[in-house]
Amino acid sequence: MSLHVKDMGLDEAEFLRCLPQAFTGLEWRRDGRRAWTEGVEITWEPAPPRRIALLELPVLRVSLQAPEAFLRRFDHAFQRGGG
């Protein structure tokens, strides 16, 4: 298990909508800006927004203490379709 820190381009409300998908099939808990289950702990906090020209994008700094298998689940839960 290792610590991974990600700067994610979304706001906290969007993060919280997607977070349950990362825990599908697992019993988990959330308290404030911390979510966990056995062997996994996720914390998050707003970071300074990213500016691109006149556009300002929200950034959430997410820390994951989790095994590699969960990190793949997490990344999959937050994938966005596009085209």
PDB file of N, CA and C in Angstrom:
ATOM      1  N   MET A   1       0.860  -1.177   0.000  1.00  0.00           N
ATOM      2  CA  MET A   1       0.000   0.000   0.000  1.00  0.00           C
ATOM      3  C   MET A   1       0.901   1.232   0.000  1.00  0.00           C
ATOM      4  N   SER A   2       0.532   2.192  -0.815  1.00  0.00           N
ATOM      5  CA  SER A   2       1.359   3.385  -0.917  1.00  0.00           C
ATOM      6  C   SER A   2       0.491   4.631  -0.979  1.00  0.00           C
ATOM      7  N   LEU A   3       1.128   5.768  -0.762  1.00  0.00           N
ATOM      8  CA  LEU A   3       0.434   7.047  -0.786  1.00  0.00           C
ATOM      9  C   LEU A   3       0.536   7.645  -2.183  1.00  0.00           C
ATOM     10  N   HIS A   4      -0.587   8.037  -2.727  1.00  0.00           N
ATOM     11  CA  HIS A   4      -0.657   8.706  -4.023  1.00  0.00           C
ATOM     12  C   HIS A   4      -1.404  10.016  -3.839  1.00  0.00           C
ATOM     13  N   VAL A   5      -0.882  11.088  -4.424  1.00  0.00           N
ATOM     14  CA  VAL A   5      -1.540  12.391  -4.365  1.00  0.00           C
ATOM     15  C   VAL A   5      -1.868  12.796  -5.794  1.00  0.00           C
ATOM     16  N   LYS A   6      -3.139  13.172  -6.011  1.00  0.00           N
ATOM     17  CA  LYS A   6      -3.602  13.563  -7.339  1.00  0.00           C
ATOM     18  C   LYS A   6      -4.230  14.947  -7.260  1.00  0.00           C
ATOM     19  N   ASP A   7      -3.921  15.784  -8.218  1.00  0.00           N
ATOM     20  CA  ASP A   7      -4.638  17.044  -8.393  1.00  0.00           C
ATOM     21  C   ASP A   7      -5.684  16.778  -9.465  1.00  0.00           C
ATOM     22  N   MET A   8      -6.947  16.789  -9.048  1.00  0.00           N
ATOM     23  CA  MET A   8      -8.031  16.422  -9.954  1.00  0.00           C
ATOM     24  C   MET A   8      -8.798  17.676 -10.372  1.00  0.00           C
ATOM     25  N   GLY A   9      -9.119  17.765 -11.638  1.00  0.00           N
ATOM     26  CA  GLY A   9      -9.808  18.925 -12.190  1.00  0.00           C
ATOM     27  C   GLY A   9     -11.312  18.829 -12.022  1.00  0.00           C
ATOM     28  N   LEU A  10     -11.757  18.896 -10.783  1.00  0.00           N
ATOM     29  CA  LEU A  10     -13.189  18.892 -10.485  1.00  0.00           C
ATOM     30  C   LEU A  10     -13.425  19.559  -9.143  1.00  0.00           C
ATOM     31  N   ASP A  11     -14.679  19.903  -8.878  1.00  0.00           N
ATOM     32  CA  ASP A  11     -14.983  20.499  -7.582  1.00  0.00           C
ATOM     33  C   ASP A  11     -15.423  19.402  -6.617  1.00  0.00           C
ATOM     34  N   GLU A  12     -15.597  19.760  -5.366  1.00  0.00           N
ATOM     35  CA  GLU A  12     -15.917  18.762  -4.336  1.00  0.00           C
ATOM     36  C   GLU A  12     -17.265  18.091  -4.579  1.00  0.00           C
ATOM     37  N   ALA A  13     -18.254  18.835  -5.060  1.00  0.00           N
ATOM     38  CA  ALA A  13     -19.578  18.244  -5.317  1.00  0.00           C
ATOM     39  C   ALA A  13     -19.482  17.149  -6.377  1.00  0.00           C
ATOM     40  N   GLU A  14     -18.749  17.401  -7.442  1.00  0.00           N
ATOM     41  CA  GLU A  14     -18.592  16.391  -8.496  1.00  0.00           C
ATOM     42  C   GLU A  14     -17.805  15.186  -7.973  1.00  0.00           C
ATOM     43  N   PHE A  15     -16.776  15.440  -7.177  1.00  0.00           N
ATOM     44  CA  PHE A  15     -15.990  14.367  -6.572  1.00  0.00           C
ATOM     45  C   PHE A  15     -16.897  13.467  -5.726  1.00  0.00           C
ATOM     46  N   LEU A  16     -17.757  14.076  -4.919  1.00  0.00           N
ATOM     47  CA  LEU A  16     -18.628  13.299  -4.039  1.00  0.00           C
ATOM     48  C   LEU A  16     -19.686  12.518  -4.814  1.00  0.00           C
ATOM     49  N   ARG A  17     -20.080  12.991  -5.992  1.00  0.00           N
ATOM     50  CA  ARG A  17     -21.019  12.234  -6.824  1.00  0.00           C
ATOM     51  C   ARG A  17     -20.368  10.965  -7.374  1.00  0.00           C
ATOM     52  N   CYS A  18     -19.081  11.034  -7.707  1.00  0.00           N
ATOM     53  CA  CYS A  18     -18.374   9.898  -8.303  1.00  0.00           C
ATOM     54  C   CYS A  18     -17.761   8.951  -7.268  1.00  0.00           C
ATOM     55  N   LEU A  19     -17.465   9.446  -6.089  1.00  0.00           N
ATOM     56  CA  LEU A  19     -16.752   8.661  -5.081  1.00  0.00           C
ATOM     57  C   LEU A  19     -17.399   7.317  -4.767  1.00  0.00           C
ATOM     58  N   PRO A  20     -18.715   7.218  -4.610  1.00  0.00           N
ATOM     59  CA  PRO A  20     -19.303   5.904  -4.299  1.00  0.00           C
ATOM     60  C   PRO A  20     -18.986   4.829  -5.339  1.00  0.00           C
ATOM     61  N   GLN A  21     -18.785   5.208  -6.581  1.00  0.00           N
ATOM     62  CA  GLN A  21     -18.453   4.219  -7.613  1.00  0.00           C
ATOM     63  C   GLN A  21     -17.107   3.558  -7.333  1.00  0.00           C
ATOM     64  N   ALA A  22     -16.191   4.281  -6.739  1.00  0.00           N
ATOM     65  CA  ALA A  22     -14.888   3.710  -6.410  1.00  0.00           C
ATOM     66  C   ALA A  22     -15.008   2.649  -5.317  1.00  0.00           C
ATOM     67  N   PHE A  23     -16.030   2.774  -4.484  1.00  0.00           N
ATOM     68  CA  PHE A  23     -16.231   1.849  -3.369  1.00  0.00           C
ATOM     69  C   PHE A  23     -17.310   0.799  -3.661  1.00  0.00           C
ATOM     70  N   THR A  24     -17.750   0.668  -4.892  1.00  0.00           N
ATOM     71  CA  THR A  24     -18.810  -0.282  -5.227  1.00  0.00           C
ATOM     72  C   THR A  24     -18.486  -1.666  -4.683  1.00  0.00           C
ATOM     73  N   GLY A  25     -19.448  -2.241  -3.967  1.00  0.00           N
ATOM     74  CA  GLY A  25     -19.285  -3.577  -3.404  1.00  0.00           C
ATOM     75  C   GLY A  25     -18.509  -3.620  -2.100  1.00  0.00           C
ATOM     76  N   LEU A  26     -18.044  -2.483  -1.625  1.00  0.00           N
ATOM     77  CA  LEU A  26     -17.286  -2.414  -0.372  1.00  0.00           C
ATOM     78  C   LEU A  26     -18.086  -1.644   0.667  1.00  0.00           C
ATOM     79  N   GLU A  27     -17.922  -2.023   1.906  1.00  0.00           N
ATOM     80  CA  GLU A  27     -18.522  -1.268   3.003  1.00  0.00           C
ATOM     81  C   GLU A  27     -17.553  -0.150   3.351  1.00  0.00           C
ATOM     82  N   TRP A  28     -18.001   1.093   3.239  1.00  0.00           N
ATOM     83  CA  TRP A  28     -17.112   2.230   3.467  1.00  0.00           C
ATOM     84  C   TRP A  28     -17.814   3.298   4.268  1.00  0.00           C
ATOM     85  N   ARG A  29     -17.024   4.232   4.773  1.00  0.00           N
ATOM     86  CA  ARG A  29     -17.552   5.339   5.577  1.00  0.00           C
ATOM     87  C   ARG A  29     -16.953   6.646   5.101  1.00  0.00           C
ATOM     88  N   ARG A  30     -17.672   7.713   5.423  1.00  0.00           N
ATOM     89  CA  ARG A  30     -17.187   9.047   5.107  1.00  0.00           C
ATOM     90  C   ARG A  30     -17.434   9.959   6.301  1.00  0.00           C
ATOM     91  N   ASP A  31     -16.447  10.784   6.609  1.00  0.00           N
ATOM     92  CA  ASP A  31     -16.563  11.770   7.670  1.00  0.00           C
ATOM     93  C   ASP A  31     -15.864  13.028   7.188  1.00  0.00           C
ATOM     94  N   GLY A  32     -16.628  14.056   6.867  1.00  0.00           N
ATOM     95  CA  GLY A  32     -16.038  15.288   6.361  1.00  0.00           C
ATOM     96  C   GLY A  32     -15.328  15.046   5.046  1.00  0.00           C
ATOM     97  N   ARG A  33     -14.060  15.362   5.004  1.00  0.00           N
ATOM     98  CA  ARG A  33     -13.259  15.195   3.790  1.00  0.00           C
ATOM     99  C   ARG A  33     -12.353  13.971   3.892  1.00  0.00           C
ATOM    100  N   ARG A  34     -12.898  12.915   4.425  1.00  0.00           N
ATOM    101  CA  ARG A  34     -12.173  11.651   4.565  1.00  0.00           C
ATOM    102  C   ARG A  34     -13.142  10.506   4.307  1.00  0.00           C
ATOM    103  N   ALA A  35     -12.708   9.535   3.493  1.00  0.00           N
ATOM    104  CA  ALA A  35     -13.497   8.326   3.252  1.00  0.00           C
ATOM    105  C   ALA A  35     -12.552   7.142   3.417  1.00  0.00           C
ATOM    106  N   TRP A  36     -13.076   6.016   3.925  1.00  0.00           N
ATOM    107  CA  TRP A  36     -12.203   4.886   4.160  1.00  0.00           C
ATOM    108  C   TRP A  36     -12.978   3.574   4.192  1.00  0.00           C
ATOM    109  N   THR A  37     -12.237   2.528   3.995  1.00  0.00           N
ATOM    110  CA  THR A  37     -12.670   1.156   4.188  1.00  0.00           C
ATOM    111  C   THR A  37     -11.409   0.404   4.598  1.00  0.00           C
ATOM    112  N   GLU A  38     -11.513  -0.869   4.840  1.00  0.00           N
ATOM    113  CA  GLU A  38     -10.344  -1.624   5.280  1.00  0.00           C
ATOM    114  C   GLU A  38      -9.217  -1.527   4.244  1.00  0.00           C
ATOM    115  N   GLY A  39      -8.081  -1.009   4.659  1.00  0.00           N
ATOM    116  CA  GLY A  39      -6.912  -0.925   3.797  1.00  0.00           C
ATOM    117  C   GLY A  39      -6.887   0.263   2.847  1.00  0.00           C
ATOM    118  N   VAL A  40      -7.889   1.132   2.925  1.00  0.00           N
ATOM    119  CA  VAL A  40      -7.983   2.275   2.014  1.00  0.00           C
ATOM    120  C   VAL A  40      -8.359   3.524   2.812  1.00  0.00           C
ATOM    121  N   GLU A  41      -7.653   4.609   2.562  1.00  0.00           N
ATOM    122  CA  GLU A  41      -8.043   5.899   3.138  1.00  0.00           C
ATOM    123  C   GLU A  41      -7.868   6.978   2.070  1.00  0.00           C
ATOM    124  N   ILE A  42      -8.907   7.783   1.891  1.00  0.00           N
ATOM    125  CA  ILE A  42      -8.890   8.867   0.922  1.00  0.00           C
ATOM    126  C   ILE A  42      -9.203  10.159   1.652  1.00  0.00           C
ATOM    127  N   THR A  43      -8.396  11.172   1.440  1.00  0.00           N
ATOM    128  CA  THR A  43      -8.678  12.506   1.963  1.00  0.00           C
ATOM    129  C   THR A  43      -8.600  13.486   0.798  1.00  0.00           C
ATOM    130  N   TRP A  44      -9.288  14.617   0.933  1.00  0.00           N
ATOM    131  CA  TRP A  44      -9.273  15.613  -0.141  1.00  0.00           C
ATOM    132  C   TRP A  44      -9.438  17.004   0.421  1.00  0.00           C
ATOM    133  N   GLU A  45      -8.952  17.972  -0.366  1.00  0.00           N
ATOM    134  CA  GLU A  45      -9.085  19.374   0.006  1.00  0.00           C
ATOM    135  C   GLU A  45      -9.033  20.221  -1.260  1.00  0.00           C
ATOM    136  N   PRO A  46      -9.749  21.315  -1.264  1.00  0.00           N
ATOM    137  CA  PRO A  46      -9.676  22.212  -2.421  1.00  0.00           C
ATOM    138  C   PRO A  46      -8.259  22.766  -2.566  1.00  0.00           C
ATOM    139  N   ALA A  47      -7.816  22.891  -3.797  1.00  0.00           N
ATOM    140  CA  ALA A  47      -6.505  23.480  -4.107  1.00  0.00           C
ATOM    141  C   ALA A  47      -6.764  24.739  -4.941  1.00  0.00           C
ATOM    142  N   PRO A  48      -5.762  25.575  -5.117  1.00  0.00           N
ATOM    143  CA  PRO A  48      -5.965  26.772  -5.953  1.00  0.00           C
ATOM    144  C   PRO A  48      -6.443  26.366  -7.349  1.00  0.00           C
ATOM    145  N   PRO A  49      -7.370  27.122  -7.908  1.00  0.00           N
ATOM    146  CA  PRO A  49      -7.882  26.790  -9.240  1.00  0.00           C
ATOM    147  C   PRO A  49      -6.793  26.900 -10.306  1.00  0.00           C
ATOM    148  N   ARG A  50      -6.986  26.151 -11.360  1.00  0.00           N
ATOM    149  CA  ARG A  50      -6.064  26.183 -12.503  1.00  0.00           C
ATOM    150  C   ARG A  50      -6.602  27.191 -13.505  1.00  0.00           C
ATOM    151  N   ARG A  51      -5.737  28.085 -13.953  1.00  0.00           N
ATOM    152  CA  ARG A  51      -6.146  29.114 -14.922  1.00  0.00           C
ATOM    153  C   ARG A  51      -5.570  28.785 -16.287  1.00  0.00           C
ATOM    154  N   ILE A  52      -6.445  28.824 -17.288  1.00  0.00           N
ATOM    155  CA  ILE A  52      -6.043  28.667 -18.681  1.00  0.00           C
ATOM    156  C   ILE A  52      -6.669  29.838 -19.421  1.00  0.00           C
ATOM    157  N   ALA A  53      -5.835  30.795 -19.796  1.00  0.00           N
ATOM    158  CA  ALA A  53      -6.312  32.045 -20.416  1.00  0.00           C
ATOM    159  C   ALA A  53      -7.341  32.673 -19.485  1.00  0.00           C
ATOM    160  N   LEU A  54      -8.550  32.878 -19.941  1.00  0.00           N
ATOM    161  CA  LEU A  54      -9.589  33.491 -19.111  1.00  0.00           C
ATOM    162  C   LEU A  54     -10.423  32.459 -18.353  1.00  0.00           C
ATOM    163  N   LEU A  55     -10.112  31.202 -18.549  1.00  0.00           N
ATOM    164  CA  LEU A  55     -10.866  30.111 -17.934  1.00  0.00           C
ATOM    165  C   LEU A  55     -10.251  29.732 -16.595  1.00  0.00           C
ATOM    166  N   GLU A  56     -11.089  29.512 -15.598  1.00  0.00           N
ATOM    167  CA  GLU A  56     -10.623  29.070 -14.290  1.00  0.00           C
ATOM    168  C   GLU A  56     -11.290  27.736 -13.975  1.00  0.00           C
ATOM    169  N   LEU A  57     -10.465  26.703 -13.720  1.00  0.00           N
ATOM    170  CA  LEU A  57     -10.978  25.359 -13.461  1.00  0.00           C
ATOM    171  C   LEU A  57     -10.733  24.976 -12.007  1.00  0.00           C
ATOM    172  N   PRO A  58     -11.708  24.337 -11.368  1.00  0.00           N
ATOM    173  CA  PRO A  58     -11.508  23.916  -9.981  1.00  0.00           C
ATOM    174  C   PRO A  58     -10.477  22.787  -9.904  1.00  0.00           C
ATOM    175  N   VAL A  59      -9.796  22.710  -8.766  1.00  0.00           N
ATOM    176  CA  VAL A  59      -8.827  21.646  -8.522  1.00  0.00           C
ATOM    177  C   VAL A  59      -9.060  21.108  -7.117  1.00  0.00           C
ATOM    178  N   LEU A  60      -9.082  19.796  -7.022  1.00  0.00           N
ATOM    179  CA  LEU A  60      -9.205  19.129  -5.734  1.00  0.00           C
ATOM    180  C   LEU A  60      -7.955  18.274  -5.548  1.00  0.00           C
ATOM    181  N   ARG A  61      -7.246  18.456  -4.441  1.00  0.00           N
ATOM    182  CA  ARG A  61      -6.067  17.640  -4.149  1.00  0.00           C
ATOM    183  C   ARG A  61      -6.534  16.430  -3.340  1.00  0.00           C
ATOM    184  N   VAL A  62      -6.322  15.258  -3.913  1.00  0.00           N
ATOM    185  CA  VAL A  62      -6.805  14.010  -3.334  1.00  0.00           C
ATOM    186  C   VAL A  62      -5.609  13.143  -2.956  1.00  0.00           C
ATOM    187  N   SER A  63      -5.595  12.680  -1.705  1.00  0.00           N
ATOM    188  CA  SER A  63      -4.546  11.771  -1.223  1.00  0.00           C
ATOM    189  C   SER A  63      -5.170  10.402  -1.003  1.00  0.00           C
ATOM    190  N   LEU A  64      -4.558   9.390  -1.571  1.00  0.00           N
ATOM    191  CA  LEU A  64      -5.055   8.023  -1.446  1.00  0.00           C
ATOM    192  C   LEU A  64      -3.981   7.145  -0.828  1.00  0.00           C
ATOM    193  N   GLN A  65      -4.306   6.512   0.257  1.00  0.00           N
ATOM    194  CA  GLN A  65      -3.453   5.495   0.864  1.00  0.00           C
ATOM    195  C   GLN A  65      -4.178   4.195   0.555  1.00  0.00           C
ATOM    196  N   ALA A  66      -3.697   3.469  -0.470  1.00  0.00           N
ATOM    197  CA  ALA A  66      -4.456   2.326  -0.957  1.00  0.00           C
ATOM    198  C   ALA A  66      -3.567   1.394  -1.762  1.00  0.00           C
ATOM    199  N   PRO A  67      -3.978   0.116  -1.861  1.00  0.00           N
ATOM    200  CA  PRO A  67      -3.249  -0.810  -2.723  1.00  0.00           C
ATOM    201  C   PRO A  67      -3.509  -0.494  -4.197  1.00  0.00           C
ATOM    202  N   GLU A  68      -2.637  -0.980  -5.058  1.00  0.00           N
ATOM    203  CA  GLU A  68      -2.738  -0.706  -6.500  1.00  0.00           C
ATOM    204  C   GLU A  68      -4.102  -1.101  -7.072  1.00  0.00           C
ATOM    205  N   ALA A  69      -4.662  -2.211  -6.626  1.00  0.00           N
ATOM    206  CA  ALA A  69      -5.955  -2.663  -7.171  1.00  0.00           C
ATOM    207  C   ALA A  69      -7.038  -1.614  -6.913  1.00  0.00           C
ATOM    208  N   PHE A  70      -7.032  -0.995  -5.746  1.00  0.00           N
ATOM    209  CA  PHE A  70      -8.039   0.030  -5.467  1.00  0.00           C
ATOM    210  C   PHE A  70      -7.769   1.284  -6.294  1.00  0.00           C
ATOM    211  N   LEU A  71      -6.511   1.629  -6.491  1.00  0.00           N
ATOM    212  CA  LEU A  71      -6.189   2.813  -7.290  1.00  0.00           C
ATOM    213  C   LEU A  71      -6.748   2.681  -8.707  1.00  0.00           C
ATOM    214  N   ARG A  72      -6.700   1.477  -9.277  1.00  0.00           N
ATOM    215  CA  ARG A  72      -7.290   1.264 -10.604  1.00  0.00           C
ATOM    216  C   ARG A  72      -8.799   1.467 -10.563  1.00  0.00           C
ATOM    217  N   ARG A  73      -9.454   0.973  -9.511  1.00  0.00           N
ATOM    218  CA  ARG A  73     -10.901   1.180  -9.337  1.00  0.00           C
ATOM    219  C   ARG A  73     -11.222   2.660  -9.245  1.00  0.00           C
ATOM    220  N   PHE A  74     -10.419   3.369  -8.451  1.00  0.00           N
ATOM    221  CA  PHE A  74     -10.621   4.794  -8.246  1.00  0.00           C
ATOM    222  C   PHE A  74     -10.505   5.537  -9.576  1.00  0.00           C
ATOM    223  N   ASP A  75      -9.441   5.282 -10.306  1.00  0.00           N
ATOM    224  CA  ASP A  75      -9.237   5.942 -11.598  1.00  0.00           C
ATOM    225  C   ASP A  75     -10.385   5.642 -12.553  1.00  0.00           C
ATOM    226  N   HIS A  76     -10.851   4.412 -12.566  1.00  0.00           N
ATOM    227  CA  HIS A  76     -11.968   4.034 -13.441  1.00  0.00           C
ATOM    228  C   HIS A  76     -13.252   4.788 -13.055  1.00  0.00           C
ATOM    229  N   ALA A  77     -13.499   4.948 -11.751  1.00  0.00           N
ATOM    230  CA  ALA A  77     -14.699   5.626 -11.283  1.00  0.00           C
ATOM    231  C   ALA A  77     -14.728   7.101 -11.706  1.00  0.00           C
ATOM    232  N   PHE A  78     -13.543   7.676 -11.905  1.00  0.00           N
ATOM    233  CA  PHE A  78     -13.473   9.097 -12.237  1.00  0.00           C
ATOM    234  C   PHE A  78     -13.153   9.355 -13.716  1.00  0.00           C
ATOM    235  N   GLN A  79     -13.139   8.308 -14.526  1.00  0.00           N
ATOM    236  CA  GLN A  79     -12.926   8.520 -15.970  1.00  0.00           C
ATOM    237  C   GLN A  79     -14.092   9.278 -16.543  1.00  0.00           C
ATOM    238  N   ARG A  80     -13.784  10.150 -17.469  1.00  0.00           N
ATOM    239  CA  ARG A  80     -14.828  10.917 -18.139  1.00  0.00           C
ATOM    240  C   ARG A  80     -14.840  10.551 -19.611  1.00  0.00           C
ATOM    241  N   GLY A  81     -16.025  10.390 -20.141  1.00  0.00           N
ATOM    242  CA  GLY A  81     -16.146  10.157 -21.577  1.00  0.00           C
ATOM    243  C   GLY A  81     -16.037  11.488 -22.294  1.00  0.00           C
ATOM    244  N   GLY A  82     -15.680  11.446 -23.508  1.00  0.00           N
ATOM    245  CA  GLY A  82     -15.562  12.696 -24.243  1.00  0.00           C
ATOM    246  C   GLY A  82     -15.455  12.404 -25.719  1.00  0.00           C
ATOM    247  N   GLY A  83     -15.445  13.460 -26.447  1.00  0.00           N
ATOM    248  CA  GLY A  83     -15.324  13.234 -27.867  1.00  0.00           C
ATOM    249  C   GLY A  83     -15.350  14.559 -28.590  1.00  0.00           C
TER     250      GLY A  83
END
